[in-house]
Amino acid sequence: MRRKTLLALTLLSALASGPAPAGTSTATLTVRATVENGCTVAGDALDFGTYVSGQSRDATGHAQLEIHNCNGMQVTISVSGGNSGNPSGRYMTSSAGDQLNYQIYKSPGKQDPWVDPMNTAISGDPGIVDIYGVIPAGQTVAPGVYEDTLTVTVNFR
């Protein structure tokens, strides 16, 4: 009986300890994050509506830029010269190639033309930046749709 008990304990001990490790295996784990630019900019169209050739009053318009993910940041906003390539002398063109002069401003009242970059602190998300436009009176141009495309660049720190 004692022999059977000893044999049973030996077997139980062997089974409880399990098989001995046969080796080691390793693997790698990839860790990833996608980082996007902090600030993004979007804007609506600056639409002057109808301009009557030679009209005696300036035509005015207003648009807004929305600057997202920059709350509390200092940014510099630049606006290209569009068709003219010169921010001091902007013009829209018709499909026939006629030109209609205009200018954009940082504030209402034609006081601060947007020819140089503007430094500003963004408050809120989105931060709103106003653009004011003026087509000077007295321009005699052919009928048609006149357009320009401006590139807005936001540099942030």
Protein backbone atom coordinates (compact mmCIF):
# COMPACT_ATOMS: atom_id res chain seq x y z
CA MET A 1 0.00 0.00 0.00
CA ARG A 2 2.78 2.29 0.85
CA ARG A 3 4.31 1.67 -2.52
CA LYS A 4 1.04 2.53 -4.27
CA THR A 5 0.73 5.75 -2.27
CA LEU A 6 4.30 6.74 -3.09
CA LEU A 7 3.76 5.99 -6.76
CA ALA A 8 0.51 8.02 -6.79
CA LEU A 9 2.20 11.01 -5.10
CA THR A 10 5.07 10.86 -7.60
CA LEU A 11 2.64 10.83 -10.54
CA LEU A 12 0.60 13.70 -9.08
CA SER A 13 3.73 15.71 -8.51
CA ALA A 14 4.89 15.18 -12.10
CA LEU A 15 1.47 16.13 -13.51
CA ALA A 16 1.11 19.24 -11.31
CA SER A 17 4.44 20.70 -12.31
CA GLY A 18 3.61 20.47 -16.05
CA PRO A 19 6.06 20.17 -18.87
CA ALA A 20 9.33 22.05 -18.70
CA PRO A 21 9.64 25.13 -21.01
CA ALA A 22 11.05 24.18 -24.37
CA GLY A 23 12.23 27.67 -25.49
CA THR A 24 11.37 31.39 -25.78
CA SER A 25 9.39 33.29 -28.42
CA THR A 26 9.33 37.07 -28.94
CA ALA A 27 7.29 39.40 -31.11
CA THR A 28 7.19 43.10 -31.87
CA LEU A 29 4.34 45.53 -31.25
CA THR A 30 3.91 48.57 -33.51
CA VAL A 31 2.85 51.76 -31.75
CA ARG A 32 1.44 54.50 -33.99
CA ALA A 33 -0.22 57.94 -33.86
CA THR A 34 -1.20 60.23 -36.71
CA VAL A 35 -0.44 63.89 -36.06
CA GLU A 36 -2.15 66.56 -38.13
CA ASN A 37 -1.38 70.25 -38.48
CA GLY A 38 -2.88 72.12 -35.58
CA CYS A 39 -4.44 74.94 -37.55
CA THR A 40 -6.71 74.69 -40.56
CA VAL A 41 -8.35 77.49 -42.48
CA ALA A 42 -11.58 77.64 -44.48
CA GLY A 43 -13.44 80.55 -45.96
CA ASP A 44 -16.56 81.51 -47.78
CA ALA A 45 -16.73 83.50 -51.02
CA LEU A 46 -16.38 87.27 -51.12
CA ASP A 47 -19.33 88.01 -53.38
CA PHE A 48 -19.86 91.62 -54.44
CA GLY A 49 -23.15 90.85 -56.12
CA THR A 50 -23.96 92.95 -59.19
CA TYR A 51 -21.69 95.78 -60.25
CA VAL A 52 -23.15 98.12 -62.87
CA SER A 53 -20.45 99.18 -65.34
CA GLY A 54 -19.35 102.73 -64.50
CA GLN A 55 -21.46 102.95 -61.33
CA SER A 56 -20.87 106.02 -59.16
CA ARG A 57 -20.56 104.22 -55.79
CA ASP A 58 -18.04 101.67 -54.59
CA ALA A 59 -19.36 98.11 -54.39
CA THR A 60 -18.57 96.42 -51.08
CA GLY A 61 -18.52 92.85 -49.86
CA HIS A 62 -17.64 90.86 -46.78
CA ALA A 63 -16.34 87.35 -46.16
CA GLN A 64 -15.05 85.42 -43.18
CA LEU A 65 -12.18 83.03 -42.65
CA GLU A 66 -12.63 80.29 -40.07
CA ILE A 67 -9.43 79.21 -38.40
CA HIS A 68 -9.82 75.90 -36.58
CA ASN A 69 -7.67 74.25 -33.89
CA CYS A 70 -5.66 77.41 -33.12
CA ASN A 71 -7.46 78.75 -30.05
CA GLY A 72 -5.02 80.87 -28.04
CA MET A 73 -2.29 80.73 -30.70
CA GLN A 74 -0.51 83.61 -32.40
CA VAL A 75 -0.86 83.28 -36.19
CA THR A 76 0.25 85.16 -39.29
CA ILE A 77 -2.27 85.30 -42.13
CA SER A 78 -1.16 86.09 -45.68
CA VAL A 79 -3.40 86.56 -48.72
CA SER A 80 -2.00 86.24 -52.25
CA GLY A 81 -2.37 88.78 -55.04
CA GLY A 82 -4.62 86.46 -57.03
CA ASN A 83 -4.76 87.02 -60.81
CA SER A 84 -2.52 90.08 -60.63
CA GLY A 85 0.14 88.43 -58.47
CA ASN A 86 0.33 91.75 -56.63
CA PRO A 87 -1.60 92.25 -53.38
CA SER A 88 -1.46 96.03 -53.93
CA GLY A 89 -3.25 95.80 -57.29
CA ARG A 90 -5.81 93.02 -57.26
CA TYR A 91 -8.28 92.47 -60.11
CA MET A 92 -10.89 89.96 -61.19
CA THR A 93 -11.03 88.75 -64.79
CA SER A 94 -13.90 87.77 -67.04
CA SER A 95 -13.85 84.80 -69.42
CA ALA A 96 -13.03 87.33 -72.17
CA GLY A 97 -9.98 88.52 -70.21
CA ASP A 98 -11.41 91.89 -69.12
CA GLN A 99 -10.29 93.15 -65.71
CA LEU A 100 -12.27 94.64 -62.82
CA ASN A 101 -10.12 96.15 -60.06
CA TYR A 102 -10.85 95.49 -56.39
CA GLN A 103 -9.07 95.41 -53.05
CA ILE A 104 -9.53 93.55 -49.77
CA TYR A 105 -9.12 95.10 -46.35
CA LYS A 106 -8.47 93.93 -42.80
CA SER A 107 -11.07 96.34 -41.43
CA PRO A 108 -14.17 98.06 -42.80
CA GLY A 109 -13.86 101.50 -44.36
CA LYS A 110 -10.94 100.99 -46.78
CA GLN A 111 -8.43 101.90 -44.07
CA ASP A 112 -6.11 98.89 -43.95
CA PRO A 113 -5.57 97.11 -47.30
CA TRP A 114 -4.55 93.47 -46.98
CA VAL A 115 -1.22 93.70 -48.76
CA ASP A 116 1.06 92.56 -45.91
CA PRO A 117 0.64 89.55 -43.62
CA MET A 118 -1.53 90.12 -40.56
CA ASN A 119 -0.37 88.96 -37.13
CA THR A 120 -3.19 88.14 -34.75
CA ALA A 121 -4.08 85.99 -31.77
CA ILE A 122 -6.87 83.49 -32.39
CA SER A 123 -9.63 83.43 -29.82
CA GLY A 124 -12.20 80.66 -29.91
CA ASP A 125 -12.61 77.66 -32.17
CA PRO A 126 -13.16 78.49 -34.86
CA GLY A 127 -11.45 81.85 -34.73
CA ILE A 128 -13.17 84.23 -37.13
CA VAL A 129 -11.21 86.68 -39.28
CA ASP A 130 -13.19 89.19 -41.34
CA ILE A 131 -12.25 90.23 -44.88
CA TYR A 132 -13.79 93.36 -46.38
CA GLY A 133 -13.77 93.97 -50.12
CA VAL A 134 -14.26 97.04 -52.29
CA ILE A 135 -14.69 97.46 -56.05
CA PRO A 136 -13.87 101.13 -56.70
CA ALA A 137 -16.59 103.16 -58.42
CA GLY A 138 -16.32 104.43 -61.97
CA GLN A 139 -14.88 101.37 -63.71
CA THR A 140 -16.35 100.87 -67.17
CA VAL A 141 -16.10 97.18 -68.05
CA ALA A 142 -17.83 94.74 -70.38
CA PRO A 143 -20.72 92.68 -68.96
CA GLY A 144 -19.84 89.23 -67.66
CA VAL A 145 -18.87 87.29 -64.56
CA TYR A 146 -15.57 88.43 -63.07
CA GLU A 147 -13.62 86.22 -60.66
CA ASP A 148 -10.32 85.95 -58.87
CA THR A 149 -8.86 83.22 -56.65
CA LEU A 150 -6.83 84.17 -53.61
CA THR A 151 -4.66 81.82 -51.60
CA VAL A 152 -4.88 82.27 -47.84
CA THR A 153 -1.91 81.00 -45.82
CA VAL A 154 -1.95 80.67 -42.04
CA ASN A 155 1.39 80.26 -40.28
CA PHE A 156 1.12 79.27 -36.63
CA ARG A 157 3.46 78.80 -33.71
